[in-house]
Amino acid sequence: MEAVVDASVVVKWLVEEEGSERALRLRDRYIDGKIEIIAPELITFEVLNALRYEGAVHGG
């Protein structure tokens, strides 16, 4: 089984907000080898940008 995730899902792994529990269950299924996760090529940049606006990442 495959799941396609976007930055909002990955941010929920790192920041507790509405929907985090569901996102964490998805992550745990991936860790347990039950699913495969597919993500956009630029997801790293999208997540970092979202975290910056959440106040979780502080620029130099």
PDB file of N, CA and C in Angstrom:
ATOM      1  N   MET A   1       0.843  -1.176   0.000  1.00  0.00           N
ATOM      2  CA  MET A   1       0.000   0.000   0.000  1.00  0.00           C
ATOM      3  C   MET A   1       0.890   1.241   0.000  1.00  0.00           C
ATOM      4  N   GLU A   2       0.447   2.269  -0.680  1.00  0.00           N
ATOM      5  CA  GLU A   2       1.200   3.526  -0.773  1.00  0.00           C
ATOM      6  C   GLU A   2       0.343   4.669  -0.243  1.00  0.00           C
ATOM      7  N   ALA A   3       1.017   5.654   0.345  1.00  0.00           N
ATOM      8  CA  ALA A   3       0.356   6.876   0.789  1.00  0.00           C
ATOM      9  C   ALA A   3       1.149   8.055   0.243  1.00  0.00           C
ATOM     10  N   VAL A   4       0.456   9.002  -0.328  1.00  0.00           N
ATOM     11  CA  VAL A   4       1.090  10.224  -0.833  1.00  0.00           C
ATOM     12  C   VAL A   4       0.908  11.298   0.237  1.00  0.00           C
ATOM     13  N   VAL A   5       2.019  11.897   0.661  1.00  0.00           N
ATOM     14  CA  VAL A   5       1.942  12.934   1.693  1.00  0.00           C
ATOM     15  C   VAL A   5       2.436  14.260   1.137  1.00  0.00           C
ATOM     16  N   ASP A   6       1.934  15.321   1.722  1.00  0.00           N
ATOM     17  CA  ASP A   6       2.435  16.654   1.386  1.00  0.00           C
ATOM     18  C   ASP A   6       3.044  17.256   2.650  1.00  0.00           C
ATOM     19  N   ALA A   7       3.533  18.461   2.538  1.00  0.00           N
ATOM     20  CA  ALA A   7       4.239  19.096   3.652  1.00  0.00           C
ATOM     21  C   ALA A   7       3.366  19.225   4.892  1.00  0.00           C
ATOM     22  N   SER A   8       2.075  19.446   4.727  1.00  0.00           N
ATOM     23  CA  SER A   8       1.214  19.619   5.899  1.00  0.00           C
ATOM     24  C   SER A   8       1.186  18.367   6.762  1.00  0.00           C
ATOM     25  N   VAL A   9       1.274  17.207   6.149  1.00  0.00           N
ATOM     26  CA  VAL A   9       1.294  15.951   6.905  1.00  0.00           C
ATOM     27  C   VAL A   9       2.615  15.819   7.656  1.00  0.00           C
ATOM     28  N   VAL A  10       3.715  16.086   6.995  1.00  0.00           N
ATOM     29  CA  VAL A  10       5.032  15.964   7.624  1.00  0.00           C
ATOM     30  C   VAL A  10       5.172  16.968   8.768  1.00  0.00           C
ATOM     31  N   VAL A  11       4.655  18.175   8.603  1.00  0.00           N
ATOM     32  CA  VAL A  11       4.701  19.168   9.679  1.00  0.00           C
ATOM     33  C   VAL A  11       3.953  18.649  10.900  1.00  0.00           C
ATOM     34  N   LYS A  12       2.853  17.955  10.690  1.00  0.00           N
ATOM     35  CA  LYS A  12       2.091  17.390  11.808  1.00  0.00           C
ATOM     36  C   LYS A  12       2.886  16.323  12.553  1.00  0.00           C
ATOM     37  N   TRP A  13       3.896  15.737  11.931  1.00  0.00           N
ATOM     38  CA  TRP A  13       4.782  14.797  12.627  1.00  0.00           C
ATOM     39  C   TRP A  13       5.655  15.545  13.622  1.00  0.00           C
ATOM     40  N   LEU A  14       5.913  16.811  13.358  1.00  0.00           N
ATOM     41  CA  LEU A  14       6.885  17.586  14.122  1.00  0.00           C
ATOM     42  C   LEU A  14       6.256  18.616  15.054  1.00  0.00           C
ATOM     43  N   VAL A  15       5.055  19.082  14.723  1.00  0.00           N
ATOM     44  CA  VAL A  15       4.372  20.118  15.490  1.00  0.00           C
ATOM     45  C   VAL A  15       2.989  19.598  15.852  1.00  0.00           C
ATOM     46  N   GLU A  16       2.671  19.628  17.126  1.00  0.00           N
ATOM     47  CA  GLU A  16       1.356  19.161  17.548  1.00  0.00           C
ATOM     48  C   GLU A  16       0.299  20.187  17.144  1.00  0.00           C
ATOM     49  N   GLU A  17      -0.624  19.731  16.314  1.00  0.00           N
ATOM     50  CA  GLU A  17      -1.734  20.561  15.854  1.00  0.00           C
ATOM     51  C   GLU A  17      -2.878  19.644  15.458  1.00  0.00           C
ATOM     52  N   GLU A  18      -3.981  20.219  15.067  1.00  0.00           N
ATOM     53  CA  GLU A  18      -5.126  19.410  14.676  1.00  0.00           C
ATOM     54  C   GLU A  18      -4.722  18.451  13.554  1.00  0.00           C
ATOM     55  N   GLY A  19      -5.015  17.192  13.731  1.00  0.00           N
ATOM     56  CA  GLY A  19      -4.678  16.191  12.728  1.00  0.00           C
ATOM     57  C   GLY A  19      -3.344  15.489  12.970  1.00  0.00           C
ATOM     58  N   SER A  20      -2.613  15.909  14.004  1.00  0.00           N
ATOM     59  CA  SER A  20      -1.305  15.307  14.270  1.00  0.00           C
ATOM     60  C   SER A  20      -1.416  13.823  14.604  1.00  0.00           C
ATOM     61  N   GLU A  21      -2.415  13.438  15.376  1.00  0.00           N
ATOM     62  CA  GLU A  21      -2.544  12.027  15.748  1.00  0.00           C
ATOM     63  C   GLU A  21      -2.694  11.137  14.519  1.00  0.00           C
ATOM     64  N   ARG A  22      -3.519  11.569  13.589  1.00  0.00           N
ATOM     65  CA  ARG A  22      -3.723  10.788  12.363  1.00  0.00           C
ATOM     66  C   ARG A  22      -2.440  10.728  11.534  1.00  0.00           C
ATOM     67  N   ALA A  23      -1.747  11.863  11.436  1.00  0.00           N
ATOM     68  CA  ALA A  23      -0.490  11.909  10.688  1.00  0.00           C
ATOM     69  C   ALA A  23       0.561  11.010  11.335  1.00  0.00           C
ATOM     70  N   LEU A  24       0.599  10.991  12.658  1.00  0.00           N
ATOM     71  CA  LEU A  24       1.566  10.150  13.363  1.00  0.00           C
ATOM     72  C   LEU A  24       1.251   8.668  13.184  1.00  0.00           C
ATOM     73  N   ARG A  25      -0.027   8.324  13.120  1.00  0.00           N
ATOM     74  CA  ARG A  25      -0.384   6.922  12.852  1.00  0.00           C
ATOM     75  C   ARG A  25       0.104   6.506  11.472  1.00  0.00           C
ATOM     76  N   LEU A  26      -0.013   7.410  10.490  1.00  0.00           N
ATOM     77  CA  LEU A  26       0.479   7.141   9.142  1.00  0.00           C
ATOM     78  C   LEU A  26       1.995   6.942   9.172  1.00  0.00           C
ATOM     79  N   ARG A  27       2.689   7.831   9.874  1.00  0.00           N
ATOM     80  CA  ARG A  27       4.147   7.711  10.002  1.00  0.00           C
ATOM     81  C   ARG A  27       4.535   6.381  10.644  1.00  0.00           C
ATOM     82  N   ASP A  28       3.816   6.013  11.691  1.00  0.00           N
ATOM     83  CA  ASP A  28       4.116   4.763  12.387  1.00  0.00           C
ATOM     84  C   ASP A  28       3.898   3.548  11.483  1.00  0.00           C
ATOM     85  N   ARG A  29       2.881   3.590  10.655  1.00  0.00           N
ATOM     86  CA  ARG A  29       2.645   2.492   9.708  1.00  0.00           C
ATOM     87  C   ARG A  29       3.805   2.385   8.720  1.00  0.00           C
ATOM     88  N   TYR A  30       4.355   3.528   8.319  1.00  0.00           N
ATOM     89  CA  TYR A  30       5.526   3.537   7.440  1.00  0.00           C
ATOM     90  C   TYR A  30       6.735   2.931   8.169  1.00  0.00           C
ATOM     91  N   ILE A  31       6.963   3.367   9.401  1.00  0.00           N
ATOM     92  CA  ILE A  31       8.089   2.852  10.185  1.00  0.00           C
ATOM     93  C   ILE A  31       7.973   1.348  10.375  1.00  0.00           C
ATOM     94  N   ASP A  32       6.756   0.868  10.576  1.00  0.00           N
ATOM     95  CA  ASP A  32       6.511  -0.566  10.766  1.00  0.00           C
ATOM     96  C   ASP A  32       6.572  -1.360   9.462  1.00  0.00           C
ATOM     97  N   GLY A  33       6.776  -0.663   8.339  1.00  0.00           N
ATOM     98  CA  GLY A  33       6.888  -1.331   7.045  1.00  0.00           C
ATOM     99  C   GLY A  33       5.554  -1.745   6.440  1.00  0.00           C
ATOM    100  N   LYS A  34       4.465  -1.188   6.940  1.00  0.00           N
ATOM    101  CA  LYS A  34       3.130  -1.555   6.459  1.00  0.00           C
ATOM    102  C   LYS A  34       2.704  -0.780   5.218  1.00  0.00           C
ATOM    103  N   ILE A  35       3.298   0.402   5.028  1.00  0.00           N
ATOM    104  CA  ILE A  35       2.969   1.213   3.851  1.00  0.00           C
ATOM    105  C   ILE A  35       4.254   1.827   3.302  1.00  0.00           C
ATOM    106  N   GLU A  36       4.150   2.309   2.088  1.00  0.00           N
ATOM    107  CA  GLU A  36       5.231   3.058   1.445  1.00  0.00           C
ATOM    108  C   GLU A  36       4.752   4.500   1.331  1.00  0.00           C
ATOM    109  N   ILE A  37       5.634   5.452   1.603  1.00  0.00           N
ATOM    110  CA  ILE A  37       5.256   6.865   1.519  1.00  0.00           C
ATOM    111  C   ILE A  37       5.870   7.478   0.269  1.00  0.00           C
ATOM    112  N   ILE A  38       5.045   8.202  -0.438  1.00  0.00           N
ATOM    113  CA  ILE A  38       5.468   8.935  -1.633  1.00  0.00           C
ATOM    114  C   ILE A  38       5.292  10.419  -1.327  1.00  0.00           C
ATOM    115  N   ALA A  39       6.307  11.218  -1.667  1.00  0.00           N
ATOM    116  CA  ALA A  39       6.265  12.650  -1.386  1.00  0.00           C
ATOM    117  C   ALA A  39       6.822  13.423  -2.574  1.00  0.00           C
ATOM    118  N   PRO A  40       6.386  14.677  -2.725  1.00  0.00           N
ATOM    119  CA  PRO A  40       6.921  15.507  -3.801  1.00  0.00           C
ATOM    120  C   PRO A  40       8.429  15.715  -3.634  1.00  0.00           C
ATOM    121  N   GLU A  41       9.096  15.919  -4.725  1.00  0.00           N
ATOM    122  CA  GLU A  41      10.547  16.096  -4.721  1.00  0.00           C
ATOM    123  C   GLU A  41      10.989  17.270  -3.840  1.00  0.00           C
ATOM    124  N   LEU A  42      10.179  18.307  -3.770  1.00  0.00           N
ATOM    125  CA  LEU A  42      10.548  19.514  -3.017  1.00  0.00           C
ATOM    126  C   LEU A  42      10.024  19.516  -1.581  1.00  0.00           C
ATOM    127  N   ILE A  43       9.605  18.376  -1.074  1.00  0.00           N
ATOM    128  CA  ILE A  43       8.967  18.356   0.250  1.00  0.00           C
ATOM    129  C   ILE A  43       9.872  18.894   1.354  1.00  0.00           C
ATOM    130  N   THR A  44      11.162  18.641   1.285  1.00  0.00           N
ATOM    131  CA  THR A  44      12.065  19.140   2.327  1.00  0.00           C
ATOM    132  C   THR A  44      11.971  20.652   2.437  1.00  0.00           C
ATOM    133  N   PHE A  45      12.004  21.343   1.315  1.00  0.00           N
ATOM    134  CA  PHE A  45      11.933  22.799   1.317  1.00  0.00           C
ATOM    135  C   PHE A  45      10.555  23.281   1.776  1.00  0.00           C
ATOM    136  N   GLU A  46       9.509  22.583   1.356  1.00  0.00           N
ATOM    137  CA  GLU A  46       8.152  22.954   1.753  1.00  0.00           C
ATOM    138  C   GLU A  46       7.961  22.807   3.260  1.00  0.00           C
ATOM    139  N   VAL A  47       8.487  21.722   3.829  1.00  0.00           N
ATOM    140  CA  VAL A  47       8.367  21.498   5.279  1.00  0.00           C
ATOM    141  C   VAL A  47       9.155  22.561   6.039  1.00  0.00           C
ATOM    142  N   LEU A  48      10.374  22.827   5.615  1.00  0.00           N
ATOM    143  CA  LEU A  48      11.176  23.847   6.291  1.00  0.00           C
ATOM    144  C   LEU A  48      10.502  25.209   6.232  1.00  0.00           C
ATOM    145  N   ASN A  49       9.923  25.545   5.107  1.00  0.00           N
ATOM    146  CA  ASN A  49       9.223  26.814   4.978  1.00  0.00           C
ATOM    147  C   ASN A  49       8.017  26.860   5.924  1.00  0.00           C
ATOM    148  N   ALA A  50       7.253  25.796   5.982  1.00  0.00           N
ATOM    149  CA  ALA A  50       6.086  25.747   6.868  1.00  0.00           C
ATOM    150  C   ALA A  50       6.524  25.848   8.328  1.00  0.00           C
ATOM    151  N   LEU A  51       7.599  25.159   8.693  1.00  0.00           N
ATOM    152  CA  LEU A  51       8.086  25.227  10.070  1.00  0.00           C
ATOM    153  C   LEU A  51       8.578  26.623  10.416  1.00  0.00           C
ATOM    154  N   ARG A  52       9.165  27.289   9.452  1.00  0.00           N
ATOM    155  CA  ARG A  52       9.622  28.655   9.686  1.00  0.00           C
ATOM    156  C   ARG A  52       8.449  29.554  10.053  1.00  0.00           C
ATOM    157  N   TYR A  53       7.336  29.395   9.338  1.00  0.00           N
ATOM    158  CA  TYR A  53       6.167  30.213   9.617  1.00  0.00           C
ATOM    159  C   TYR A  53       5.440  29.784  10.883  1.00  0.00           C
ATOM    160  N   GLU A  54       5.675  28.547  11.317  1.00  0.00           N
ATOM    161  CA  GLU A  54       5.123  28.062  12.593  1.00  0.00           C
ATOM    162  C   GLU A  54       5.957  28.599  13.758  1.00  0.00           C
ATOM    163  N   GLY A  55       7.137  29.116  13.453  1.00  0.00           N
ATOM    164  CA  GLY A  55       8.038  29.591  14.493  1.00  0.00           C
ATOM    165  C   GLY A  55       8.939  28.504  15.035  1.00  0.00           C
ATOM    166  N   ALA A  56       8.946  27.334  14.382  1.00  0.00           N
ATOM    167  CA  ALA A  56       9.732  26.212  14.859  1.00  0.00           C
ATOM    168  C   ALA A  56      11.171  26.257  14.345  1.00  0.00           C
ATOM    169  N   VAL A  57      11.435  27.045  13.316  1.00  0.00           N
ATOM    170  CA  VAL A  57      12.780  27.149  12.748  1.00  0.00           C
ATOM    171  C   VAL A  57      13.186  28.615  12.845  1.00  0.00           C
ATOM    172  N   HIS A  58      14.360  28.858  13.400  1.00  0.00           N
ATOM    173  CA  HIS A  58      14.838  30.227  13.564  1.00  0.00           C
ATOM    174  C   HIS A  58      16.003  30.457  12.618  1.00  0.00           C
ATOM    175  N   GLY A  59      15.885  31.487  11.802  1.00  0.00           N
ATOM    176  CA  GLY A  59      16.952  31.821  10.873  1.00  0.00           C
ATOM    177  C   GLY A  59      18.102  32.516  11.566  1.00  0.00           C
ATOM    178  N   GLY A  60      19.268  32.454  10.909  1.00  0.00           N
ATOM    179  CA  GLY A  60      20.476  33.043  11.473  1.00  0.00           C
ATOM    180  C   GLY A  60      20.470  34.473  11.268  1.00  0.00           C
TER     181      GLY A  60
END
